[in-house]
Amino acid sequence: MQLPPSPEEERQRIIRGRNRALALVLAGFAVLFFFITIAKMKH
């Protein structure tokens, strides 16, 4: 039988998930800007 997570553990889990999502979005923007820059240099 597993104990339900404490509110603090639950909060930490939510924050970690949000941080991971934010990191993915920022990395996506960085890759997008990189490809846009490469495309502009070819013209």
PDB file of N, CA and C in Angstrom:
ATOM      1  N   MET A   1       0.852  -1.197   0.000  1.00  0.00           N
ATOM      2  CA  MET A   1       0.000   0.000   0.000  1.00  0.00           C
ATOM      3  C   MET A   1       0.882   1.239   0.000  1.00  0.00           C
ATOM      4  N   GLN A   2       0.563   2.147  -0.906  1.00  0.00           N
ATOM      5  CA  GLN A   2       1.387   3.344  -1.048  1.00  0.00           C
ATOM      6  C   GLN A   2       0.689   4.544  -0.438  1.00  0.00           C
ATOM      7  N   LEU A   3       1.447   5.350   0.280  1.00  0.00           N
ATOM      8  CA  LEU A   3       0.881   6.556   0.878  1.00  0.00           C
ATOM      9  C   LEU A   3       0.656   7.606  -0.206  1.00  0.00           C
ATOM     10  N   PRO A   4      -0.398   8.401  -0.089  1.00  0.00           N
ATOM     11  CA  PRO A   4      -0.584   9.476  -1.066  1.00  0.00           C
ATOM     12  C   PRO A   4       0.532  10.503  -0.920  1.00  0.00           C
ATOM     13  N   PRO A   5       0.950  11.119  -2.021  1.00  0.00           N
ATOM     14  CA  PRO A   5       2.056  12.089  -1.920  1.00  0.00           C
ATOM     15  C   PRO A   5       1.650  13.292  -1.078  1.00  0.00           C
ATOM     16  N   SER A   6       2.602  13.804  -0.329  1.00  0.00           N
ATOM     17  CA  SER A   6       2.329  14.989   0.480  1.00  0.00           C
ATOM     18  C   SER A   6       2.128  16.186  -0.453  1.00  0.00           C
ATOM     19  N   PRO A   7       1.450  17.221   0.018  1.00  0.00           N
ATOM     20  CA  PRO A   7       1.251  18.403  -0.849  1.00  0.00           C
ATOM     21  C   PRO A   7       2.566  18.989  -1.361  1.00  0.00           C
ATOM     22  N   GLU A   8       3.606  18.934  -0.534  1.00  0.00           N
ATOM     23  CA  GLU A   8       4.912  19.476  -0.957  1.00  0.00           C
ATOM     24  C   GLU A   8       5.506  18.638  -2.086  1.00  0.00           C
ATOM     25  N   GLU A   9       5.425  17.306  -1.977  1.00  0.00           N
ATOM     26  CA  GLU A   9       5.933  16.437  -3.046  1.00  0.00           C
ATOM     27  C   GLU A   9       5.152  16.652  -4.335  1.00  0.00           C
ATOM     28  N   GLU A  10       3.834  16.798  -4.192  1.00  0.00           N
ATOM     29  CA  GLU A  10       2.982  17.024  -5.365  1.00  0.00           C
ATOM     30  C   GLU A  10       3.357  18.345  -6.042  1.00  0.00           C
ATOM     31  N   ARG A  11       3.601  19.374  -5.225  1.00  0.00           N
ATOM     32  CA  ARG A  11       3.970  20.693  -5.760  1.00  0.00           C
ATOM     33  C   ARG A  11       5.307  20.612  -6.515  1.00  0.00           C
ATOM     34  N   GLN A  12       6.260  19.904  -5.930  1.00  0.00           N
ATOM     35  CA  GLN A  12       7.562  19.740  -6.583  1.00  0.00           C
ATOM     36  C   GLN A  12       7.412  19.017  -7.922  1.00  0.00           C
ATOM     37  N   ARG A  13       6.549  17.992  -7.959  1.00  0.00           N
ATOM     38  CA  ARG A  13       6.338  17.234  -9.194  1.00  0.00           C
ATOM     39  C   ARG A  13       5.735  18.118 -10.279  1.00  0.00           C
ATOM     40  N   ILE A  14       4.769  18.954  -9.897  1.00  0.00           N
ATOM     41  CA  ILE A  14       4.138  19.857 -10.862  1.00  0.00           C
ATOM     42  C   ILE A  14       5.153  20.875 -11.382  1.00  0.00           C
ATOM     43  N   ILE A  15       5.964  21.413 -10.470  1.00  0.00           N
ATOM     44  CA  ILE A  15       6.974  22.410 -10.873  1.00  0.00           C
ATOM     45  C   ILE A  15       7.996  21.779 -11.828  1.00  0.00           C
ATOM     46  N   ARG A  16       8.426  20.546 -11.516  1.00  0.00           N
ATOM     47  CA  ARG A  16       9.384  19.871 -12.417  1.00  0.00           C
ATOM     48  C   ARG A  16       8.784  19.676 -13.805  1.00  0.00           C
ATOM     49  N   GLY A  17       7.529  19.279 -13.858  1.00  0.00           N
ATOM     50  CA  GLY A  17       6.867  19.097 -15.152  1.00  0.00           C
ATOM     51  C   GLY A  17       6.770  20.402 -15.916  1.00  0.00           C
ATOM     52  N   ARG A  18       6.436  21.480 -15.221  1.00  0.00           N
ATOM     53  CA  ARG A  18       6.325  22.788 -15.865  1.00  0.00           C
ATOM     54  C   ARG A  18       7.701  23.246 -16.365  1.00  0.00           C
ATOM     55  N   ASN A  19       8.741  23.039 -15.550  1.00  0.00           N
ATOM     56  CA  ASN A  19      10.092  23.430 -15.967  1.00  0.00           C
ATOM     57  C   ASN A  19      10.527  22.660 -17.212  1.00  0.00           C
ATOM     58  N   ARG A  20      10.190  21.372 -17.265  1.00  0.00           N
ATOM     59  CA  ARG A  20      10.554  20.553 -18.417  1.00  0.00           C
ATOM     60  C   ARG A  20       9.835  21.057 -19.669  1.00  0.00           C
ATOM     61  N   ALA A  21       8.555  21.386 -19.534  1.00  0.00           N
ATOM     62  CA  ALA A  21       7.781  21.897 -20.670  1.00  0.00           C
ATOM     63  C   ALA A  21       8.354  23.234 -21.136  1.00  0.00           C
ATOM     64  N   LEU A  22       8.698  24.093 -20.199  1.00  0.00           N
ATOM     65  CA  LEU A  22       9.256  25.404 -20.540  1.00  0.00           C
ATOM     66  C   LEU A  22      10.610  25.241 -21.240  1.00  0.00           C
ATOM     67  N   ALA A  23      11.423  24.322 -20.771  1.00  0.00           N
ATOM     68  CA  ALA A  23      12.723  24.070 -21.404  1.00  0.00           C
ATOM     69  C   ALA A  23      12.536  23.587 -22.840  1.00  0.00           C
ATOM     70  N   LEU A  24      11.550  22.715 -23.069  1.00  0.00           N
ATOM     71  CA  LEU A  24      11.286  22.231 -24.426  1.00  0.00           C
ATOM     72  C   LEU A  24      10.835  23.364 -25.342  1.00  0.00           C
ATOM     73  N   VAL A  25       9.980  24.241 -24.840  1.00  0.00           N
ATOM     74  CA  VAL A  25       9.516  25.384 -25.636  1.00  0.00           C
ATOM     75  C   VAL A  25      10.685  26.296 -25.980  1.00  0.00           C
ATOM     76  N   LEU A  26      11.520  26.601 -25.002  1.00  0.00           N
ATOM     77  CA  LEU A  26      12.680  27.477 -25.259  1.00  0.00           C
ATOM     78  C   LEU A  26      13.647  26.838 -26.250  1.00  0.00           C
ATOM     79  N   ALA A  27      13.891  25.546 -26.122  1.00  0.00           N
ATOM     80  CA  ALA A  27      14.767  24.848 -27.061  1.00  0.00           C
ATOM     81  C   ALA A  27      14.153  24.869 -28.461  1.00  0.00           C
ATOM     82  N   GLY A  28      12.836  24.708 -28.539  1.00  0.00           N
ATOM     83  CA  GLY A  28      12.152  24.772 -29.834  1.00  0.00           C
ATOM     84  C   GLY A  28      12.330  26.129 -30.493  1.00  0.00           C
ATOM     85  N   PHE A  29      12.189  27.209 -29.711  1.00  0.00           N
ATOM     86  CA  PHE A  29      12.392  28.546 -30.261  1.00  0.00           C
ATOM     87  C   PHE A  29      13.835  28.734 -30.727  1.00  0.00           C
ATOM     88  N   ALA A  30      14.796  28.229 -29.958  1.00  0.00           N
ATOM     89  CA  ALA A  30      16.203  28.360 -30.336  1.00  0.00           C
ATOM     90  C   ALA A  30      16.460  27.661 -31.673  1.00  0.00           C
ATOM     91  N   VAL A  31      15.920  26.451 -31.839  1.00  0.00           N
ATOM     92  CA  VAL A  31      16.089  25.703 -33.093  1.00  0.00           C
ATOM     93  C   VAL A  31      15.407  26.445 -34.242  1.00  0.00           C
ATOM     94  N   LEU A  32      14.214  26.969 -33.985  1.00  0.00           N
ATOM     95  CA  LEU A  32      13.482  27.722 -35.008  1.00  0.00           C
ATOM     96  C   LEU A  32      14.281  28.931 -35.474  1.00  0.00           C
ATOM     97  N   PHE A  33      14.799  29.728 -34.525  1.00  0.00           N
ATOM     98  CA  PHE A  33      15.603  30.892 -34.893  1.00  0.00           C
ATOM     99  C   PHE A  33      16.866  30.475 -35.647  1.00  0.00           C
ATOM    100  N   PHE A  34      17.461  29.373 -35.247  1.00  0.00           N
ATOM    101  CA  PHE A  34      18.653  28.882 -35.929  1.00  0.00           C
ATOM    102  C   PHE A  34      18.348  28.593 -37.396  1.00  0.00           C
ATOM    103  N   PHE A  35      17.253  27.860 -37.659  1.00  0.00           N
ATOM    104  CA  PHE A  35      16.917  27.521 -39.042  1.00  0.00           C
ATOM    105  C   PHE A  35      16.490  28.740 -39.841  1.00  0.00           C
ATOM    106  N   ILE A  36      15.797  29.676 -39.205  1.00  0.00           N
ATOM    107  CA  ILE A  36      15.421  30.914 -39.904  1.00  0.00           C
ATOM    108  C   ILE A  36      16.679  31.688 -40.304  1.00  0.00           C
ATOM    109  N   THR A  37      17.648  31.760 -39.399  1.00  0.00           N
ATOM    110  CA  THR A  37      18.896  32.464 -39.689  1.00  0.00           C
ATOM    111  C   THR A  37      19.641  31.797 -40.847  1.00  0.00           C
ATOM    112  N   ILE A  38      19.732  30.484 -40.836  1.00  0.00           N
ATOM    113  CA  ILE A  38      20.390  29.747 -41.927  1.00  0.00           C
ATOM    114  C   ILE A  38      19.672  30.015 -43.252  1.00  0.00           C
ATOM    115  N   ALA A  39      18.347  29.984 -43.233  1.00  0.00           N
ATOM    116  CA  ALA A  39      17.577  30.207 -44.452  1.00  0.00           C
ATOM    117  C   ALA A  39      17.795  31.617 -44.989  1.00  0.00           C
ATOM    118  N   LYS A  40      17.875  32.603 -44.109  1.00  0.00           N
ATOM    119  CA  LYS A  40      18.090  33.995 -44.545  1.00  0.00           C
ATOM    120  C   LYS A  40      19.491  34.172 -45.132  1.00  0.00           C
ATOM    121  N   MET A  41      20.480  33.465 -44.597  1.00  0.00           N
ATOM    122  CA  MET A  41      21.847  33.610 -45.103  1.00  0.00           C
ATOM    123  C   MET A  41      21.990  33.026 -46.503  1.00  0.00           C
ATOM    124  N   LYS A  42      21.145  32.067 -46.860  1.00  0.00           N
ATOM    125  CA  LYS A  42      21.248  31.434 -48.173  1.00  0.00           C
ATOM    126  C   LYS A  42      20.690  32.323 -49.285  1.00  0.00           C
ATOM    127  N   HIS A  43      19.900  33.334 -48.948  1.00  0.00           N
ATOM    128  CA  HIS A  43      19.329  34.210 -49.978  1.00  0.00           C
ATOM    129  C   HIS A  43      20.269  35.324 -50.344  1.00  0.00           C
TER     130      HIS A  43
END
